[in-house]
Amino acid sequence: MNVRDLTRQRCFNHPGREAAARCPECGRFFCRECVSEHEDRVLCAACLKKLLKPGQVRRHRLAALTRILHFFLGIWLAWIFFHYLGMILLELPTSFHDGTLWREPWW
């Protein structure tokens, strides 16, 4: 099949649109919106769904859960850091805040 044959083809899902790719699994033609790249191959949504195993789809759900957990862990760690930083600043002597500490030689 040459390029001219592809330009005459129409999308399987959208007959009014020109085809941009042919799915290697089912052999149908699709527009750019109906195909996606998976493992260096351009596939239609139906064939991609058939190729994906249930474990792979679940891994994507776990990835989203992992991102959420990382977000909350980051917020918690930032809170701990600033909490203890505040505690350290509260332990500074009042002479430090008054500016009298800087007048005395520290050596």
C-alpha atoms as a PDB file:
ATOM      1  CA  MET A   1       0.000   0.000   0.000  1.00  0.00           C
ATOM      2  CA  ASN A   2       1.392   3.371  -0.931  1.00  0.00           C
ATOM      3  CA  VAL A   3       0.807   6.858   0.431  1.00  0.00           C
ATOM      4  CA  ARG A   4      -1.840   7.695  -2.156  1.00  0.00           C
ATOM      5  CA  ASP A   5      -4.006   4.819  -0.944  1.00  0.00           C
ATOM      6  CA  LEU A   6      -3.769   6.161   2.609  1.00  0.00           C
ATOM      7  CA  THR A   7      -4.868   9.653   1.593  1.00  0.00           C
ATOM      8  CA  ARG A   8      -8.030   8.267   0.023  1.00  0.00           C
ATOM      9  CA  GLN A   9      -8.977   6.323   3.138  1.00  0.00           C
ATOM     10  CA  ARG A  10     -11.343   7.648   5.782  1.00  0.00           C
ATOM     11  CA  CYS A  11     -11.338   7.076   9.524  1.00  0.00           C
ATOM     12  CA  PHE A  12     -13.255   4.005  10.669  1.00  0.00           C
ATOM     13  CA  ASN A  13     -14.834   5.939  13.570  1.00  0.00           C
ATOM     14  CA  HIS A  14     -15.165   9.342  11.836  1.00  0.00           C
ATOM     15  CA  PRO A  15     -16.085   8.900   8.159  1.00  0.00           C
ATOM     16  CA  GLY A  16     -15.733  12.630   7.498  1.00  0.00           C
ATOM     17  CA  ARG A  17     -12.054  12.661   8.456  1.00  0.00           C
ATOM     18  CA  GLU A  18      -9.058  11.592   6.457  1.00  0.00           C
ATOM     19  CA  ALA A  19      -7.170   8.583   7.788  1.00  0.00           C
ATOM     20  CA  ALA A  20      -3.719   9.196   9.249  1.00  0.00           C
ATOM     21  CA  ALA A  21      -2.697   5.663  10.192  1.00  0.00           C
ATOM     22  CA  ARG A  22      -3.590   2.047   9.767  1.00  0.00           C
ATOM     23  CA  CYS A  23      -3.804  -0.211  12.806  1.00  0.00           C
ATOM     24  CA  PRO A  24      -1.475  -3.180  12.303  1.00  0.00           C
ATOM     25  CA  GLU A  25      -3.667  -5.453  14.428  1.00  0.00           C
ATOM     26  CA  CYS A  26      -7.097  -5.014  12.812  1.00  0.00           C
ATOM     27  CA  GLY A  27      -6.044  -3.396   9.521  1.00  0.00           C
ATOM     28  CA  ARG A  28      -8.568  -0.554   9.759  1.00  0.00           C
ATOM     29  CA  PHE A  29      -7.746   3.074   9.021  1.00  0.00           C
ATOM     30  CA  PHE A  30      -8.059   5.772  11.687  1.00  0.00           C
ATOM     31  CA  CYS A  31      -7.597   9.515  12.078  1.00  0.00           C
ATOM     32  CA  ARG A  32      -5.002  10.989  14.442  1.00  0.00           C
ATOM     33  CA  GLU A  33      -7.444  11.226  17.329  1.00  0.00           C
ATOM     34  CA  CYS A  34      -8.395   7.554  17.159  1.00  0.00           C
ATOM     35  CA  VAL A  35      -4.914   6.037  17.351  1.00  0.00           C
ATOM     36  CA  SER A  36      -2.313   6.026  20.093  1.00  0.00           C
ATOM     37  CA  GLU A  37       1.275   4.885  20.346  1.00  0.00           C
ATOM     38  CA  HIS A  38       2.066   1.851  22.472  1.00  0.00           C
ATOM     39  CA  GLU A  39       5.487   0.188  22.531  1.00  0.00           C
ATOM     40  CA  ASP A  40       6.560   1.965  19.325  1.00  0.00           C
ATOM     41  CA  ARG A  41       3.418   0.896  17.481  1.00  0.00           C
ATOM     42  CA  VAL A  42       0.390   2.947  16.468  1.00  0.00           C
ATOM     43  CA  LEU A  43      -2.773   1.102  17.517  1.00  0.00           C
ATOM     44  CA  CYS A  44      -6.473   1.839  17.632  1.00  0.00           C
ATOM     45  CA  ALA A  45      -8.219   1.992  20.992  1.00  0.00           C
ATOM     46  CA  ALA A  46      -9.979  -1.358  20.581  1.00  0.00           C
ATOM     47  CA  CYS A  47      -6.785  -3.243  19.725  1.00  0.00           C
ATOM     48  CA  LEU A  48      -4.874  -1.478  22.475  1.00  0.00           C
ATOM     49  CA  LYS A  49      -7.510  -2.564  24.977  1.00  0.00           C
ATOM     50  CA  LYS A  50      -7.190  -6.168  23.785  1.00  0.00           C
ATOM     51  CA  LEU A  51      -3.401  -6.101  24.086  1.00  0.00           C
ATOM     52  CA  LEU A  52      -3.277  -4.626  27.566  1.00  0.00           C
ATOM     53  CA  LYS A  53      -3.397  -7.229  30.260  1.00  0.00           C
ATOM     54  CA  PRO A  54      -5.496  -6.612  33.382  1.00  0.00           C
ATOM     55  CA  GLY A  55      -2.307  -6.398  35.478  1.00  0.00           C
ATOM     56  CA  GLN A  56      -0.994  -3.538  33.347  1.00  0.00           C
ATOM     57  CA  VAL A  57      -4.150  -1.501  33.833  1.00  0.00           C
ATOM     58  CA  ARG A  58      -3.989  -2.103  37.568  1.00  0.00           C
ATOM     59  CA  ARG A  59      -0.371  -0.917  37.635  1.00  0.00           C
ATOM     60  CA  HIS A  60      -1.554   2.435  36.289  1.00  0.00           C
ATOM     61  CA  ARG A  61      -4.082   2.689  39.119  1.00  0.00           C
ATOM     62  CA  LEU A  62      -1.347   1.927  41.625  1.00  0.00           C
ATOM     63  CA  ALA A  63       0.824   4.596  40.022  1.00  0.00           C
ATOM     64  CA  ALA A  64      -1.870   7.199  40.671  1.00  0.00           C
ATOM     65  CA  LEU A  65      -2.194   6.025  44.260  1.00  0.00           C
ATOM     66  CA  THR A  66       1.580   6.186  44.659  1.00  0.00           C
ATOM     67  CA  ARG A  67       1.624   9.788  43.407  1.00  0.00           C
ATOM     68  CA  ILE A  68      -1.049  10.762  45.909  1.00  0.00           C
ATOM     69  CA  LEU A  69       0.864   9.090  48.733  1.00  0.00           C
ATOM     70  CA  HIS A  70       4.077  10.850  47.681  1.00  0.00           C
ATOM     71  CA  PHE A  71       2.248  14.180  47.705  1.00  0.00           C
ATOM     72  CA  PHE A  72       0.964  13.710  51.244  1.00  0.00           C
ATOM     73  CA  LEU A  73       4.325  12.359  52.413  1.00  0.00           C
ATOM     74  CA  GLY A  74       5.986  15.493  51.020  1.00  0.00           C
ATOM     75  CA  ILE A  75       3.485  17.744  52.804  1.00  0.00           C
ATOM     76  CA  TRP A  76       4.038  15.848  56.068  1.00  0.00           C
ATOM     77  CA  LEU A  77       7.838  16.046  55.762  1.00  0.00           C
ATOM     78  CA  ALA A  78       7.659  19.787  55.053  1.00  0.00           C
ATOM     79  CA  TRP A  79       5.450  20.249  58.115  1.00  0.00           C
ATOM     80  CA  ILE A  80       7.897  18.266  60.293  1.00  0.00           C
ATOM     81  CA  PHE A  81      10.843  20.297  58.971  1.00  0.00           C
ATOM     82  CA  PHE A  82       9.228  23.656  59.629  1.00  0.00           C
ATOM     83  CA  HIS A  83       7.869  22.524  63.009  1.00  0.00           C
ATOM     84  CA  TYR A  84      11.314  21.595  64.289  1.00  0.00           C
ATOM     85  CA  LEU A  85      12.841  24.689  62.711  1.00  0.00           C
ATOM     86  CA  GLY A  86      10.346  26.753  64.699  1.00  0.00           C
ATOM     87  CA  MET A  87      11.194  24.834  67.866  1.00  0.00           C
ATOM     88  CA  ILE A  88      14.898  25.565  67.329  1.00  0.00           C
ATOM     89  CA  LEU A  89      14.196  29.257  66.772  1.00  0.00           C
ATOM     90  CA  LEU A  90      12.135  29.367  69.960  1.00  0.00           C
ATOM     91  CA  GLU A  91      15.097  27.976  71.912  1.00  0.00           C
ATOM     92  CA  LEU A  92      17.318  30.919  70.962  1.00  0.00           C
ATOM     93  CA  PRO A  93      18.089  33.170  73.953  1.00  0.00           C
ATOM     94  CA  THR A  94      16.318  36.512  74.207  1.00  0.00           C
ATOM     95  CA  SER A  95      19.659  38.298  74.077  1.00  0.00           C
ATOM     96  CA  PHE A  96      19.971  37.082  70.506  1.00  0.00           C
ATOM     97  CA  HIS A  97      16.679  38.729  69.609  1.00  0.00           C
ATOM     98  CA  ASP A  98      17.537  41.990  71.419  1.00  0.00           C
ATOM     99  CA  GLY A  99      20.732  42.403  69.453  1.00  0.00           C
ATOM    100  CA  THR A 100      22.939  42.379  72.570  1.00  0.00           C
ATOM    101  CA  LEU A 101      24.526  39.079  71.577  1.00  0.00           C
ATOM    102  CA  TRP A 102      26.163  40.725  68.592  1.00  0.00           C
ATOM    103  CA  ARG A 103      27.751  43.486  70.659  1.00  0.00           C
ATOM    104  CA  GLU A 104      29.714  41.054  72.792  1.00  0.00           C
ATOM    105  CA  PRO A 105      32.715  39.349  71.245  1.00  0.00           C
ATOM    106  CA  TRP A 106      31.903  35.689  70.662  1.00  0.00           C
ATOM    107  CA  TRP A 107      35.504  34.496  70.622  1.00  0.00           C
END
